[in-house]
Structures are given as structure tokens and as C-alpha cells.
Amino acid sequence: MPHSPPSNTASDFHSLVPAERYLAAFLVFAFASGALAHTLPAVLPVTRYTTDGLLLVLNGLLIFSLYRRNGDVRLWRWLFLAYAFTFATEAVGVATGAVFGEYAYGATMWWQWLGVPFVIALNWCALTLATNDLAARVVDGPLPTALLASAVIALYDVAIEPVAISLDYWQWADNVVPLQNYLMWAVVAFVISLPLQWLRIRYRSPLLPVYLFAQLFFFIVLNVAL
């Protein structure tokens, strides 16, 4: 099975079927409107507590769309194992503080087990797919792609952290995000990215850059506004 060659996002976008185009528009609308809603005090109490549901819908639709486009059942197997590994790492991290540093999830993300929101691991899996798609447009080969994707997701987390803290997604001990957090997210992303690349699982889609940058827009706007 050949490795997916680098592709051009703009030209790829024209290959989207109508359902994918609607989903792309929905992703942009959801993150843009979400950024606006979080800056409006009148609706902020409601918006903050719909995070779990919205992320579940967005990530679920995105991953299902990736499967429909590529038809590779191994994507579901990868997702199951990547989710389990990521969730377990988070659970150990919350319980011990030895993985990412001392932190705890807040009440904003209310559907939790072992102190970890169920949707968090799913969101990290979706972001890992998106950063792998981005990396595969720049470099070739399983190892370079996985390494670049893991570095990108660690940098991405730099934009996430201030907003997540402000919205009480999670809180850090002494209100300081340790460097350990970014390093370990790069490690976690690498561990789940390498089999994705090494096994040549088909997952790529022009929707992934849309998702990646729409969510990044959300965090950039709120970094400025909050």
C-alpha cells in the first residue's frame, strides 16, 4: 500500500464531495461562532458548559468523514488504541502529576472518569491526525512525519493552554504551565503518530487542515480577548 504523497490543500479542497464541503463549513462556523460566543458575557455561562458536547460532535463527524473518504478500517483500530493510550496517560498524569506536571480538570468539562474528561483524549487524537496530515505535506517517510507532527502538536498546545486555564478546562499547580507538559505531549503524539505512519493507515483529507486551523483560530482569538 503506497504512502500518501504530499498534496496541496487548495487543490485538494476541490475534491471534497458535498457532504465534506458542508462539514468544512460547519467546522469553520462552529469554531468562529464559538470564539465570538466566549467573548459575550451574556452567553458565556451556557457556552462554557457545552464544550464537551460540541467537541464530541465535531471530532466524531470529522473522524467518520475521514473513514468514509479513505475506507480504511484500520483507522478505527488506531483510534481505539490511540484513545485508550491517551486517556490512560491523562489519568496517570492527573493522579500522580508525574507525566505532564501537577494539574486537574475543571468543572467546565463535566463528563469525566478518573478525573479526565472523556472528550479530551478524542480531541487529542483528532489533533494528532490533523498535525500528521500537515506534516505529511512537508516531509516524507514515517519517522520524519511522526516527529514533525509531534513537534507541531506541542507548539499548538502553547496556544491552547492560556485559554483552557481561563475557561477552567483545567488548572495547573501555582498557575504555571511546566515545560514538561509540552515535552510530554510531543512524546504522546509521537507514540500514537508513528504507528499511523508506519502502518500507512489511510486517514488524509482536506478537511484536516480546515479543522486544525479553525480550532487554532478559536484559541488565537480567545488568547487576545480573554
C-alpha atoms as a PDB file:
ATOM      1  CA  MET A   1       0.000   0.000   0.000  1.00  0.00           C
ATOM      2  CA  PRO A   2       1.745   3.219  -1.089  1.00  0.00           C
ATOM      3  CA  HIS A   3       2.421   6.058   1.291  1.00  0.00           C
ATOM      4  CA  SER A   4       0.170   9.057   0.687  1.00  0.00           C
ATOM      5  CA  PRO A   5       2.137  11.627  -1.317  1.00  0.00           C
ATOM      6  CA  PRO A   6       2.370  15.280  -0.312  1.00  0.00           C
ATOM      7  CA  SER A   7      -0.636  17.227  -1.526  1.00  0.00           C
ATOM      8  CA  ASN A   8      -1.814  20.766  -1.966  1.00  0.00           C
ATOM      9  CA  THR A   9      -4.622  21.833   0.354  1.00  0.00           C
ATOM     10  CA  ALA A  10      -6.153  24.334  -2.057  1.00  0.00           C
ATOM     11  CA  SER A  11      -6.354  21.882  -4.942  1.00  0.00           C
ATOM     12  CA  ASP A  12      -7.448  19.061  -2.630  1.00  0.00           C
ATOM     13  CA  PHE A  13     -10.359  21.153  -1.408  1.00  0.00           C
ATOM     14  CA  HIS A  14     -11.945  20.938  -4.853  1.00  0.00           C
ATOM     15  CA  SER A  15     -12.069  17.146  -4.461  1.00  0.00           C
ATOM     16  CA  LEU A  16     -14.426  17.364  -1.496  1.00  0.00           C
ATOM     17  CA  VAL A  17     -17.816  15.794  -2.009  1.00  0.00           C
ATOM     18  CA  PRO A  18     -20.861  17.893  -0.989  1.00  0.00           C
ATOM     19  CA  ALA A  19     -21.139  16.305   2.481  1.00  0.00           C
ATOM     20  CA  GLU A  20     -17.472  17.127   3.150  1.00  0.00           C
ATOM     21  CA  ARG A  21     -17.969  20.709   1.975  1.00  0.00           C
ATOM     22  CA  TYR A  22     -20.866  21.108   4.390  1.00  0.00           C
ATOM     23  CA  LEU A  23     -18.746  19.681   7.178  1.00  0.00           C
ATOM     24  CA  ALA A  24     -15.875  22.050   6.327  1.00  0.00           C
ATOM     25  CA  ALA A  25     -18.283  24.991   6.524  1.00  0.00           C
ATOM     26  CA  PHE A  26     -19.692  23.662   9.804  1.00  0.00           C
ATOM     27  CA  LEU A  27     -16.218  23.343  11.313  1.00  0.00           C
ATOM     28  CA  VAL A  28     -15.360  26.927  10.413  1.00  0.00           C
ATOM     29  CA  PHE A  29     -18.736  28.193  11.650  1.00  0.00           C
ATOM     30  CA  ALA A  30     -18.556  26.225  14.904  1.00  0.00           C
ATOM     31  CA  PHE A  31     -15.107  27.436  15.909  1.00  0.00           C
ATOM     32  CA  ALA A  32     -15.640  31.021  14.704  1.00  0.00           C
ATOM     33  CA  SER A  33     -19.026  31.358  16.406  1.00  0.00           C
ATOM     34  CA  GLY A  34     -17.624  29.635  19.481  1.00  0.00           C
ATOM     35  CA  ALA A  35     -14.851  32.209  19.700  1.00  0.00           C
ATOM     36  CA  LEU A  36     -17.410  35.011  19.443  1.00  0.00           C
ATOM     37  CA  ALA A  37     -19.730  33.418  21.999  1.00  0.00           C
ATOM     38  CA  HIS A  38     -16.920  33.115  24.529  1.00  0.00           C
ATOM     39  CA  THR A  39     -16.381  36.885  24.357  1.00  0.00           C
ATOM     40  CA  LEU A  40     -20.062  37.686  25.100  1.00  0.00           C
ATOM     41  CA  PRO A  41     -20.751  37.674  28.872  1.00  0.00           C
ATOM     42  CA  ALA A  42     -24.467  37.052  28.339  1.00  0.00           C
ATOM     43  CA  VAL A  43     -23.955  33.665  26.706  1.00  0.00           C
ATOM     44  CA  LEU A  44     -20.628  32.636  28.239  1.00  0.00           C
ATOM     45  CA  PRO A  45     -22.192  30.613  31.101  1.00  0.00           C
ATOM     46  CA  VAL A  46     -24.019  28.440  28.569  1.00  0.00           C
ATOM     47  CA  THR A  47     -21.181  28.275  26.047  1.00  0.00           C
ATOM     48  CA  ARG A  48     -18.615  27.107  28.563  1.00  0.00           C
ATOM     49  CA  TYR A  49     -20.676  24.100  29.578  1.00  0.00           C
ATOM     50  CA  THR A  50     -21.457  22.921  26.060  1.00  0.00           C
ATOM     51  CA  THR A  51     -17.771  22.272  25.330  1.00  0.00           C
ATOM     52  CA  ASP A  52     -17.940  18.511  25.851  1.00  0.00           C
ATOM     53  CA  GLY A  53     -20.911  18.014  23.553  1.00  0.00           C
ATOM     54  CA  LEU A  54     -19.656  20.302  20.812  1.00  0.00           C
ATOM     55  CA  LEU A  55     -16.195  18.742  20.710  1.00  0.00           C
ATOM     56  CA  LEU A  56     -17.705  15.260  20.679  1.00  0.00           C
ATOM     57  CA  VAL A  57     -19.889  16.155  17.676  1.00  0.00           C
ATOM     58  CA  LEU A  58     -17.119  17.945  15.758  1.00  0.00           C
ATOM     59  CA  ASN A  59     -14.486  15.264  16.336  1.00  0.00           C
ATOM     60  CA  GLY A  60     -16.932  12.449  15.707  1.00  0.00           C
ATOM     61  CA  LEU A  61     -18.113  13.901  12.396  1.00  0.00           C
ATOM     62  CA  LEU A  62     -14.541  14.624  11.336  1.00  0.00           C
ATOM     63  CA  ILE A  63     -13.235  11.128  12.038  1.00  0.00           C
ATOM     64  CA  PHE A  64     -16.248   9.460  10.431  1.00  0.00           C
ATOM     65  CA  SER A  65     -15.679  11.640   7.351  1.00  0.00           C
ATOM     66  CA  LEU A  66     -12.024  10.540   7.220  1.00  0.00           C
ATOM     67  CA  TYR A  67     -13.130   6.921   7.263  1.00  0.00           C
ATOM     68  CA  ARG A  68     -15.743   7.491   4.551  1.00  0.00           C
ATOM     69  CA  ARG A  69     -13.157   9.168   2.315  1.00  0.00           C
ATOM     70  CA  ASN A  70     -10.377   6.609   2.799  1.00  0.00           C
ATOM     71  CA  GLY A  71     -12.284   3.403   3.569  1.00  0.00           C
ATOM     72  CA  ASP A  72      -9.513   2.049   5.803  1.00  0.00           C
ATOM     73  CA  VAL A  73     -10.984   0.090   8.721  1.00  0.00           C
ATOM     74  CA  ARG A  74      -7.590   0.232  10.442  1.00  0.00           C
ATOM     75  CA  LEU A  75      -8.331   3.868  11.218  1.00  0.00           C
ATOM     76  CA  TRP A  76     -10.903   2.696  13.810  1.00  0.00           C
ATOM     77  CA  ARG A  77      -8.396   0.292  15.336  1.00  0.00           C
ATOM     78  CA  TRP A  78      -5.808   3.046  15.525  1.00  0.00           C
ATOM     79  CA  LEU A  79      -8.384   5.387  17.078  1.00  0.00           C
ATOM     80  CA  PHE A  80      -9.347   2.842  19.738  1.00  0.00           C
ATOM     81  CA  LEU A  81      -5.739   2.186  20.746  1.00  0.00           C
ATOM     82  CA  ALA A  82      -4.661   5.848  20.488  1.00  0.00           C
ATOM     83  CA  TYR A  83      -7.668   6.947  22.555  1.00  0.00           C
ATOM     84  CA  ALA A  84      -7.028   4.301  25.202  1.00  0.00           C
ATOM     85  CA  PHE A  85      -3.336   5.184  25.436  1.00  0.00           C
ATOM     86  CA  THR A  86      -4.000   8.931  25.577  1.00  0.00           C
ATOM     87  CA  PHE A  87      -6.785   8.604  28.142  1.00  0.00           C
ATOM     88  CA  ALA A  88      -4.673   6.291  30.326  1.00  0.00           C
ATOM     89  CA  THR A  89      -1.732   8.694  30.143  1.00  0.00           C
ATOM     90  CA  GLU A  90      -4.014  11.563  31.167  1.00  0.00           C
ATOM     91  CA  ALA A  91      -5.461   9.533  34.049  1.00  0.00           C
ATOM     92  CA  VAL A  92      -1.991   8.694  35.353  1.00  0.00           C
ATOM     93  CA  GLY A  93      -0.958  12.312  34.846  1.00  0.00           C
ATOM     94  CA  VAL A  94      -3.894  13.698  36.823  1.00  0.00           C
ATOM     95  CA  ALA A  95      -3.472  11.134  39.619  1.00  0.00           C
ATOM     96  CA  THR A  96       0.287  11.467  40.063  1.00  0.00           C
ATOM     97  CA  GLY A  97       1.467  14.724  38.478  1.00  0.00           C
ATOM     98  CA  ALA A  98       4.409  12.719  37.154  1.00  0.00           C
ATOM     99  CA  VAL A  99       3.579  12.873  33.437  1.00  0.00           C
ATOM    100  CA  PHE A 100       2.643  16.417  32.455  1.00  0.00           C
ATOM    101  CA  GLY A 101       3.039  18.136  35.828  1.00  0.00           C
ATOM    102  CA  GLU A 102       0.559  18.920  38.606  1.00  0.00           C
ATOM    103  CA  TYR A 103      -2.840  19.721  37.093  1.00  0.00           C
ATOM    104  CA  ALA A 104      -6.539  18.977  37.428  1.00  0.00           C
ATOM    105  CA  TYR A 105      -9.518  19.302  35.108  1.00  0.00           C
ATOM    106  CA  GLY A 106     -12.185  21.848  35.987  1.00  0.00           C
ATOM    107  CA  ALA A 107     -15.966  21.644  36.046  1.00  0.00           C
ATOM    108  CA  THR A 108     -16.301  23.175  32.553  1.00  0.00           C
ATOM    109  CA  MET A 109     -15.625  19.722  31.126  1.00  0.00           C
ATOM    110  CA  TRP A 110     -18.116  17.806  33.214  1.00  0.00           C
ATOM    111  CA  TRP A 111     -18.297  14.317  31.611  1.00  0.00           C
ATOM    112  CA  GLN A 112     -15.276  12.745  33.323  1.00  0.00           C
ATOM    113  CA  TRP A 113     -13.892   9.498  34.657  1.00  0.00           C
ATOM    114  CA  LEU A 114     -10.798   9.200  36.856  1.00  0.00           C
ATOM    115  CA  GLY A 115     -10.629  12.976  36.751  1.00  0.00           C
ATOM    116  CA  VAL A 116     -10.238  13.058  32.947  1.00  0.00           C
ATOM    117  CA  PRO A 117     -12.941  14.303  30.522  1.00  0.00           C
ATOM    118  CA  PHE A 118     -13.837  11.606  28.005  1.00  0.00           C
ATOM    119  CA  VAL A 119     -13.706  14.050  25.100  1.00  0.00           C
ATOM    120  CA  ILE A 120     -10.155  15.230  25.830  1.00  0.00           C
ATOM    121  CA  ALA A 121      -8.462  12.080  24.523  1.00  0.00           C
ATOM    122  CA  LEU A 122     -10.693  12.161  21.441  1.00  0.00           C
ATOM    123  CA  ASN A 123      -9.742  15.768  20.771  1.00  0.00           C
ATOM    124  CA  TRP A 124      -6.045  14.928  21.068  1.00  0.00           C
ATOM    125  CA  CYS A 125      -6.493  12.025  18.637  1.00  0.00           C
ATOM    126  CA  ALA A 126      -8.211  14.307  16.120  1.00  0.00           C
ATOM    127  CA  LEU A 127      -5.480  16.930  16.519  1.00  0.00           C
ATOM    128  CA  THR A 128      -2.863  14.216  16.029  1.00  0.00           C
ATOM    129  CA  LEU A 129      -4.492  13.198  12.755  1.00  0.00           C
ATOM    130  CA  ALA A 130      -4.558  16.841  11.672  1.00  0.00           C
ATOM    131  CA  THR A 131      -0.922  17.517  12.556  1.00  0.00           C
ATOM    132  CA  ASN A 132       0.121  14.312  10.796  1.00  0.00           C
ATOM    133  CA  ASP A 133      -1.723  15.461   7.688  1.00  0.00           C
ATOM    134  CA  LEU A 134       0.077  18.797   7.897  1.00  0.00           C
ATOM    135  CA  ALA A 135       3.463  17.143   8.474  1.00  0.00           C
ATOM    136  CA  ALA A 136       2.909  14.760   5.548  1.00  0.00           C
ATOM    137  CA  ARG A 137       2.550  17.802   3.281  1.00  0.00           C
ATOM    138  CA  VAL A 138       6.041  18.946   4.291  1.00  0.00           C
ATOM    139  CA  VAL A 139       8.149  15.811   4.799  1.00  0.00           C
ATOM    140  CA  ASP A 140       8.076  12.198   3.641  1.00  0.00           C
ATOM    141  CA  GLY A 141       8.626   8.953   5.475  1.00  0.00           C
ATOM    142  CA  PRO A 142       7.034   7.569   8.665  1.00  0.00           C
ATOM    143  CA  LEU A 143       9.665   8.742  11.160  1.00  0.00           C
ATOM    144  CA  PRO A 144      10.108  12.350   9.892  1.00  0.00           C
ATOM    145  CA  THR A 145       6.331  12.755   9.571  1.00  0.00           C
ATOM    146  CA  ALA A 146       5.674  11.475  13.098  1.00  0.00           C
ATOM    147  CA  LEU A 147       8.456  13.639  14.540  1.00  0.00           C
ATOM    148  CA  LEU A 148       7.241  16.797  12.825  1.00  0.00           C
ATOM    149  CA  ALA A 149       3.621  16.113  13.748  1.00  0.00           C
ATOM    150  CA  SER A 150       4.538  15.666  17.415  1.00  0.00           C
ATOM    151  CA  ALA A 151       6.524  18.914  17.415  1.00  0.00           C
ATOM    152  CA  VAL A 152       3.600  20.778  15.818  1.00  0.00           C
ATOM    153  CA  ILE A 153       1.109  19.485  18.381  1.00  0.00           C
ATOM    154  CA  ALA A 154       3.378  20.622  21.226  1.00  0.00           C
ATOM    155  CA  LEU A 155       3.549  24.104  19.685  1.00  0.00           C
ATOM    156  CA  TYR A 156      -0.216  24.018  19.174  1.00  0.00           C
ATOM    157  CA  ASP A 157      -0.637  23.416  22.896  1.00  0.00           C
ATOM    158  CA  VAL A 158       1.114  26.719  23.572  1.00  0.00           C
ATOM    159  CA  ALA A 159      -1.947  28.455  22.095  1.00  0.00           C
ATOM    160  CA  ILE A 160      -4.371  26.162  23.924  1.00  0.00           C
ATOM    161  CA  GLU A 161      -3.056  26.488  27.477  1.00  0.00           C
ATOM    162  CA  PRO A 162      -3.911  30.136  28.356  1.00  0.00           C
ATOM    163  CA  VAL A 163      -7.465  29.784  27.030  1.00  0.00           C
ATOM    164  CA  ALA A 164      -8.025  26.409  28.688  1.00  0.00           C
ATOM    165  CA  ILE A 165      -6.947  27.852  32.023  1.00  0.00           C
ATOM    166  CA  SER A 166      -9.132  30.963  31.629  1.00  0.00           C
ATOM    167  CA  LEU A 167     -12.192  28.836  30.808  1.00  0.00           C
ATOM    168  CA  ASP A 168     -11.449  26.333  33.585  1.00  0.00           C
ATOM    169  CA  TYR A 169     -10.915  23.418  31.255  1.00  0.00           C
ATOM    170  CA  TRP A 170      -8.010  22.585  33.552  1.00  0.00           C
ATOM    171  CA  GLN A 171      -5.780  24.274  36.121  1.00  0.00           C
ATOM    172  CA  TRP A 172      -2.078  23.966  36.895  1.00  0.00           C
ATOM    173  CA  ALA A 173      -0.418  23.975  40.288  1.00  0.00           C
ATOM    174  CA  ASP A 174       0.798  27.504  41.100  1.00  0.00           C
ATOM    175  CA  ASN A 175      -0.834  28.642  37.811  1.00  0.00           C
ATOM    176  CA  VAL A 176       2.360  27.766  35.933  1.00  0.00           C
ATOM    177  CA  VAL A 177       2.403  25.535  32.840  1.00  0.00           C
ATOM    178  CA  PRO A 178       5.575  23.436  33.133  1.00  0.00           C
ATOM    179  CA  LEU A 179       7.835  22.799  30.160  1.00  0.00           C
ATOM    180  CA  GLN A 180       7.352  19.130  30.997  1.00  0.00           C
ATOM    181  CA  ASN A 181       3.770  19.422  29.738  1.00  0.00           C
ATOM    182  CA  TYR A 182       4.805  20.412  26.219  1.00  0.00           C
ATOM    183  CA  LEU A 183       7.600  17.863  26.071  1.00  0.00           C
ATOM    184  CA  MET A 184       5.331  15.042  27.180  1.00  0.00           C
ATOM    185  CA  TRP A 185       2.600  15.989  24.725  1.00  0.00           C
ATOM    186  CA  ALA A 186       5.198  15.752  21.984  1.00  0.00           C
ATOM    187  CA  VAL A 187       6.096  12.276  23.282  1.00  0.00           C
ATOM    188  CA  VAL A 188       2.458  11.137  23.477  1.00  0.00           C
ATOM    189  CA  ALA A 189       1.761  12.491  19.989  1.00  0.00           C
ATOM    190  CA  PHE A 190       4.838  10.725  18.629  1.00  0.00           C
ATOM    191  CA  VAL A 191       3.842   7.389  20.193  1.00  0.00           C
ATOM    192  CA  ILE A 192       0.418   7.447  18.518  1.00  0.00           C
ATOM    193  CA  SER A 193       1.655   9.071  15.291  1.00  0.00           C
ATOM    194  CA  LEU A 194       4.374   6.548  14.480  1.00  0.00           C
ATOM    195  CA  PRO A 195       2.074   3.514  14.002  1.00  0.00           C
ATOM    196  CA  LEU A 196      -0.308   5.691  11.991  1.00  0.00           C
ATOM    197  CA  GLN A 197       2.565   6.421   9.599  1.00  0.00           C
ATOM    198  CA  TRP A 198       4.429   3.133   9.816  1.00  0.00           C
ATOM    199  CA  LEU A 199       1.358   1.054   9.018  1.00  0.00           C
ATOM    200  CA  ARG A 200       0.422   3.519   6.270  1.00  0.00           C
ATOM    201  CA  ILE A 201      -3.110   3.857   7.552  1.00  0.00           C
ATOM    202  CA  ARG A 202      -5.158   5.938   5.149  1.00  0.00           C
ATOM    203  CA  TYR A 203      -6.567   8.942   7.004  1.00  0.00           C
ATOM    204  CA  ARG A 204      -5.756  12.030   4.926  1.00  0.00           C
ATOM    205  CA  SER A 205      -8.342  14.584   3.893  1.00  0.00           C
ATOM    206  CA  PRO A 206      -8.513  18.303   3.015  1.00  0.00           C
ATOM    207  CA  LEU A 207     -10.855  18.564   5.997  1.00  0.00           C
ATOM    208  CA  LEU A 208      -7.967  18.065   8.416  1.00  0.00           C
ATOM    209  CA  PRO A 209      -6.251  21.421   7.688  1.00  0.00           C
ATOM    210  CA  VAL A 210      -9.662  23.099   7.937  1.00  0.00           C
ATOM    211  CA  TYR A 211     -10.186  21.531  11.361  1.00  0.00           C
ATOM    212  CA  LEU A 212      -6.645  22.319  12.516  1.00  0.00           C
ATOM    213  CA  PHE A 213      -6.672  25.982  11.559  1.00  0.00           C
ATOM    214  CA  ALA A 214     -10.303  26.631  12.505  1.00  0.00           C
ATOM    215  CA  GLN A 215      -9.588  25.379  16.017  1.00  0.00           C
ATOM    216  CA  LEU A 216      -6.329  27.338  16.109  1.00  0.00           C
ATOM    217  CA  PHE A 217      -8.288  30.470  15.126  1.00  0.00           C
ATOM    218  CA  PHE A 218     -10.597  29.829  18.094  1.00  0.00           C
ATOM    219  CA  PHE A 219      -7.679  29.736  20.532  1.00  0.00           C
ATOM    220  CA  ILE A 220      -5.836  32.695  18.987  1.00  0.00           C
ATOM    221  CA  VAL A 221      -8.943  34.897  19.179  1.00  0.00           C
ATOM    222  CA  LEU A 222      -9.570  33.949  22.794  1.00  0.00           C
ATOM    223  CA  ASN A 223      -5.908  34.416  23.727  1.00  0.00           C
ATOM    224  CA  VAL A 224      -6.378  38.032  22.692  1.00  0.00           C
ATOM    225  CA  ALA A 225      -9.913  38.517  24.019  1.00  0.00           C
ATOM    226  CA  LEU A 226      -9.809  36.839  27.425  1.00  0.00           C
END
